[in-house]
Amino acid sequence: MHQPALRENSITPSLAVVTRLSDERQQNKCKDVEIDMIGAEAAAITHGHELGYIPAAALVHIIHMVAHNSNITLLAAVQDSMEAMKKLFPEAKHLHELLILMQKAIDLSTENMNDFEAIKELGEGWVAEETLAIAIYCSLKYCSSFDKAVIAAVNHDGDSDSIGTVTGNIMGAYLGLRGIPEKYIEHLELKDIIIEIADDLYNDCKITEYGSYRDDVWAHKYIYHDYGREK
């Protein structure tokens, strides 16, 4: 990864690849380590510092763990992500900085402490490792409430929109659509299209260059880009 050594907030671009890669894992096309690495590579396109792309890989790991394993706790997914990063980036000079922050987020989530003050202990979220740590804190502290986790994630003086985005992705993957309060979904712009695309990603495309199977609906949606247009 030889991109410029930026380390600003790089986590959110990696979210674009999480759903598709997680679904390919479900169908045994990708191994966990491959998914994590592709998440890192997606972030490294614009953020080549270790603390730009490793947090992205850690986030990808957490999300695909909770999205496809109904028996895992969020805490276990976070801890598994930390161990996975040690194996994936054993020579990384700055990995320990991320792991310390992630562990601090875990510890703070169990403390009887004001959210605003706890988040200040983790930083402001302008760099990726802080964004991930704060999102982990909010998600773990309110692991059964999408509402409370997101509210905590956006009510502070730091990069609240990015942290809210990451927290929402973690909690949405962990709790599922049914765990998201209707007030967030009811007036969501393009809701039906988002759900349809999510279903398509989950079911995957069965068209290949090696077979005769055709799916005209899929082809018009994603190849010809004329789906739904009047002829």
Protein backbone atom coordinates (compact mmCIF):
# COMPACT_ATOMS: atom_id res chain seq x y z
CA MET A 1 0.00 0.00 0.00
CA HIS A 2 2.00 2.93 -1.27
CA GLN A 3 -0.59 5.69 -1.19
CA PRO A 4 0.10 9.04 0.51
CA ALA A 5 0.34 8.65 4.29
CA LEU A 6 -2.95 10.31 5.14
CA ARG A 7 -4.70 9.24 8.31
CA GLU A 8 -7.79 11.44 8.37
CA ASN A 9 -11.12 9.71 8.74
CA SER A 10 -10.95 6.84 6.26
CA ILE A 11 -13.47 4.45 7.73
CA THR A 12 -16.65 5.47 5.93
CA PRO A 13 -15.42 4.65 2.37
CA SER A 14 -14.81 1.07 3.45
CA LEU A 15 -18.49 0.68 4.35
CA ALA A 16 -19.33 0.54 0.66
CA VAL A 17 -17.66 -2.85 0.35
CA VAL A 18 -18.82 -4.47 3.59
CA THR A 19 -22.25 -5.74 2.56
CA ARG A 20 -21.15 -7.28 -0.73
CA LEU A 21 -18.06 -8.91 0.72
CA SER A 22 -19.94 -10.20 3.75
CA ASP A 23 -22.50 -11.81 1.47
CA GLU A 24 -19.76 -13.44 -0.60
CA ARG A 25 -18.37 -14.84 2.66
CA GLN A 26 -21.80 -16.29 3.41
CA GLN A 27 -21.64 -18.10 0.08
CA ASN A 28 -18.09 -19.36 0.79
CA LYS A 29 -16.52 -17.23 -1.95
CA CYS A 30 -14.31 -15.19 0.37
CA LYS A 31 -12.41 -16.00 3.53
CA ASP A 32 -12.62 -13.64 6.50
CA VAL A 33 -9.03 -12.50 6.04
CA GLU A 34 -9.68 -11.65 2.40
CA ILE A 35 -12.69 -9.54 3.32
CA ASP A 36 -10.72 -7.67 5.96
CA MET A 37 -7.89 -6.99 3.54
CA ILE A 38 -10.19 -5.71 0.81
CA GLY A 39 -11.70 -3.33 3.36
CA ALA A 40 -8.20 -2.08 4.18
CA GLU A 41 -7.33 -1.71 0.52
CA ALA A 42 -10.49 0.28 -0.16
CA ALA A 43 -9.55 2.75 2.57
CA ALA A 44 -5.90 2.84 1.48
CA ILE A 45 -6.89 4.22 -1.92
CA THR A 46 -7.15 7.62 -0.24
CA HIS A 47 -5.60 7.01 3.21
CA GLY A 48 -2.27 5.22 3.08
CA HIS A 49 -1.26 5.59 6.73
CA GLU A 50 -1.55 2.43 8.84
CA LEU A 51 -4.03 4.18 11.10
CA GLY A 52 -6.05 5.04 8.02
CA TYR A 53 -6.57 1.57 6.59
CA ILE A 54 -6.24 -0.80 9.59
CA PRO A 55 -9.26 0.69 11.43
CA ALA A 56 -11.22 0.23 8.21
CA ALA A 57 -10.28 -3.46 8.15
CA ALA A 58 -11.25 -3.78 11.81
CA LEU A 59 -14.65 -2.22 11.12
CA VAL A 60 -15.25 -4.54 8.16
CA HIS A 61 -14.41 -7.50 10.40
CA ILE A 62 -16.84 -6.42 13.12
CA ILE A 63 -19.70 -5.83 10.72
CA HIS A 64 -19.46 -9.06 8.79
CA MET A 65 -19.07 -11.01 12.04
CA VAL A 66 -22.30 -9.68 13.53
CA ALA A 67 -24.19 -9.67 10.24
CA HIS A 68 -23.73 -13.40 9.66
CA ASN A 69 -23.48 -14.88 13.15
CA SER A 70 -26.62 -14.48 15.22
CA ASN A 71 -24.98 -16.14 18.23
CA ILE A 72 -22.04 -13.77 18.60
CA THR A 73 -22.12 -10.84 21.00
CA LEU A 74 -20.98 -7.43 19.85
CA LEU A 75 -18.19 -7.50 22.44
CA ALA A 76 -16.96 -10.84 21.10
CA ALA A 77 -16.97 -9.45 17.56
CA VAL A 78 -14.90 -6.43 18.62
CA GLN A 79 -12.41 -8.61 20.48
CA ASP A 80 -12.19 -11.01 17.54
CA SER A 81 -11.50 -8.03 15.29
CA MET A 82 -8.59 -6.99 17.51
CA GLU A 83 -7.06 -10.46 17.30
CA ALA A 84 -7.62 -10.58 13.56
CA MET A 85 -5.78 -7.29 13.05
CA LYS A 86 -2.76 -8.66 14.94
CA LYS A 87 -2.60 -11.58 12.51
CA LEU A 88 -3.34 -9.53 9.40
CA PHE A 89 -0.85 -6.72 10.10
CA PRO A 90 1.84 -8.26 12.33
CA GLU A 91 4.52 -5.80 11.19
CA ALA A 92 2.42 -2.63 11.46
CA LYS A 93 4.26 -0.02 13.52
CA HIS A 94 1.12 1.77 14.69
CA LEU A 95 -1.20 -1.19 15.29
CA HIS A 96 -0.71 -1.02 19.06
CA GLU A 97 -2.10 2.52 19.08
CA LEU A 98 -5.34 1.31 17.55
CA LEU A 99 -5.58 -1.71 19.83
CA ILE A 100 -5.03 0.43 22.94
CA LEU A 101 -7.84 2.76 21.88
CA MET A 102 -10.18 -0.13 21.09
CA GLN A 103 -9.52 -1.70 24.49
CA LYS A 104 -10.07 1.66 26.16
CA ALA A 105 -13.41 1.93 24.39
CA ILE A 106 -14.36 -1.51 25.69
CA ASP A 107 -13.36 -0.57 29.23
CA LEU A 108 -15.15 2.79 29.16
CA SER A 109 -18.35 1.16 27.92
CA THR A 110 -18.63 -0.66 31.25
CA GLU A 111 -18.02 2.42 33.39
CA ASN A 112 -20.73 4.52 35.01
CA MET A 113 -19.53 7.62 33.20
CA ASN A 114 -21.17 10.46 31.31
CA ASP A 115 -21.04 9.74 27.56
CA PHE A 116 -19.69 13.17 26.68
CA GLU A 117 -16.78 12.76 29.10
CA ALA A 118 -16.11 9.17 28.07
CA ILE A 119 -15.95 10.12 24.42
CA LYS A 120 -13.48 12.90 25.24
CA GLU A 121 -11.22 10.20 26.70
CA LEU A 122 -11.13 8.54 23.27
CA GLY A 123 -10.57 11.67 21.19
CA GLU A 124 -12.71 13.68 18.81
CA GLY A 125 -12.94 11.29 15.89
CA TRP A 126 -11.11 13.35 13.28
CA VAL A 127 -8.82 10.38 12.60
CA ALA A 128 -9.93 6.84 11.84
CA GLU A 129 -8.72 5.11 15.01
CA GLU A 130 -10.63 7.59 17.17
CA THR A 131 -13.76 7.30 15.04
CA LEU A 132 -13.74 3.52 15.36
CA ALA A 133 -13.03 3.63 19.10
CA ILE A 134 -15.86 6.07 19.81
CA ALA A 135 -18.27 4.07 17.64
CA ILE A 136 -17.27 0.90 19.51
CA TYR A 137 -17.83 2.65 22.84
CA CYS A 138 -21.31 3.86 21.87
CA SER A 139 -22.28 0.52 20.33
CA LEU A 140 -21.11 -1.56 23.29
CA LYS A 141 -22.60 0.70 25.94
CA TYR A 142 -25.99 0.68 24.24
CA CYS A 143 -25.77 -2.65 22.42
CA SER A 144 -29.50 -3.30 22.67
CA SER A 145 -30.62 0.17 21.59
CA PHE A 146 -29.92 1.59 18.15
CA ASP A 147 -31.48 4.86 19.26
CA LYS A 148 -29.30 5.40 22.34
CA ALA A 149 -26.11 4.33 20.60
CA VAL A 150 -26.55 6.73 17.68
CA ILE A 151 -27.65 9.60 19.92
CA ALA A 152 -24.50 9.18 22.01
CA ALA A 153 -22.39 8.97 18.85
CA VAL A 154 -23.50 12.33 17.46
CA ASN A 155 -23.71 14.41 20.63
CA HIS A 156 -20.16 15.64 21.22
CA ASP A 157 -17.72 18.20 19.86
CA GLY A 158 -15.86 15.96 17.43
CA ASP A 159 -16.50 14.45 13.99
CA SER A 160 -20.00 13.47 14.98
CA ASP A 161 -21.40 12.75 11.51
CA SER A 162 -18.69 10.20 10.68
CA ILE A 163 -18.94 8.59 14.11
CA GLY A 164 -22.73 8.46 13.83
CA THR A 165 -22.38 6.76 10.44
CA VAL A 166 -20.00 4.11 11.73
CA THR A 167 -22.07 3.51 14.88
CA GLY A 168 -25.23 3.20 12.79
CA ASN A 169 -23.59 0.63 10.54
CA ILE A 170 -22.39 -1.45 13.47
CA MET A 171 -25.72 -1.31 15.28
CA GLY A 172 -27.74 -1.88 12.12
CA ALA A 173 -25.72 -4.97 11.29
CA TYR A 174 -25.94 -6.21 14.88
CA LEU A 175 -29.63 -5.57 15.54
CA GLY A 176 -30.95 -5.92 12.00
CA LEU A 177 -33.63 -3.85 10.30
CA ARG A 178 -36.19 -4.78 12.96
CA GLY A 179 -33.93 -3.29 15.62
CA ILE A 180 -33.93 0.17 14.01
CA PRO A 181 -36.74 2.40 15.29
CA GLU A 182 -39.38 3.20 12.70
CA LYS A 183 -38.77 6.93 13.06
CA TYR A 184 -35.41 6.45 11.32
CA ILE A 185 -36.90 4.38 8.50
CA GLU A 186 -40.34 5.84 7.83
CA HIS A 187 -39.20 8.92 5.91
CA LEU A 188 -35.83 7.63 4.73
CA GLU A 189 -35.14 8.87 1.22
CA LEU A 190 -35.01 6.06 -1.37
CA LYS A 191 -35.89 3.50 1.33
CA ASP A 192 -37.44 0.99 -1.09
CA ILE A 193 -34.49 1.22 -3.47
CA ILE A 194 -32.00 0.76 -0.62
CA ILE A 195 -33.83 -2.35 0.57
CA GLU A 196 -34.05 -3.73 -2.97
CA ILE A 197 -30.33 -3.22 -3.59
CA ALA A 198 -29.51 -4.82 -0.22
CA ASP A 199 -31.61 -7.86 -1.16
CA ASP A 200 -29.92 -8.05 -4.56
CA LEU A 201 -26.48 -7.93 -2.95
CA TYR A 202 -27.46 -10.66 -0.52
CA ASN A 203 -28.89 -12.95 -3.21
CA ASP A 204 -26.01 -12.13 -5.60
CA CYS A 205 -25.96 -12.21 -9.39
CA LYS A 206 -26.27 -15.66 -10.94
CA ILE A 207 -25.21 -14.48 -14.41
CA THR A 208 -21.70 -15.58 -15.40
CA GLU A 209 -19.73 -15.53 -18.63
CA TYR A 210 -19.36 -19.31 -18.35
CA GLY A 211 -23.04 -20.28 -18.27
CA SER A 212 -26.26 -19.79 -20.18
CA TYR A 213 -28.35 -18.56 -17.25
CA ARG A 214 -30.00 -15.20 -17.86
CA ASP A 215 -31.66 -12.83 -15.41
CA ASP A 216 -33.23 -10.05 -17.43
CA VAL A 217 -34.32 -8.07 -14.36
CA TRP A 218 -30.77 -8.04 -12.98
CA ALA A 219 -29.33 -7.22 -16.41
CA HIS A 220 -31.60 -4.24 -16.88
CA LYS A 221 -30.88 -2.99 -13.35
CA TYR A 222 -27.13 -3.26 -13.29
CA ILE A 223 -25.87 -3.79 -16.85
CA TYR A 224 -28.11 -1.77 -19.13
CA HIS A 225 -29.22 0.70 -16.44
CA ASP A 226 -32.68 1.04 -17.98
CA TYR A 227 -34.71 -0.89 -15.42
CA GLY A 228 -38.18 0.51 -14.95
CA ARG A 229 -37.97 2.91 -17.87
CA GLU A 230 -40.83 3.04 -20.29
CA LYS A 231 -40.02 1.46 -23.64
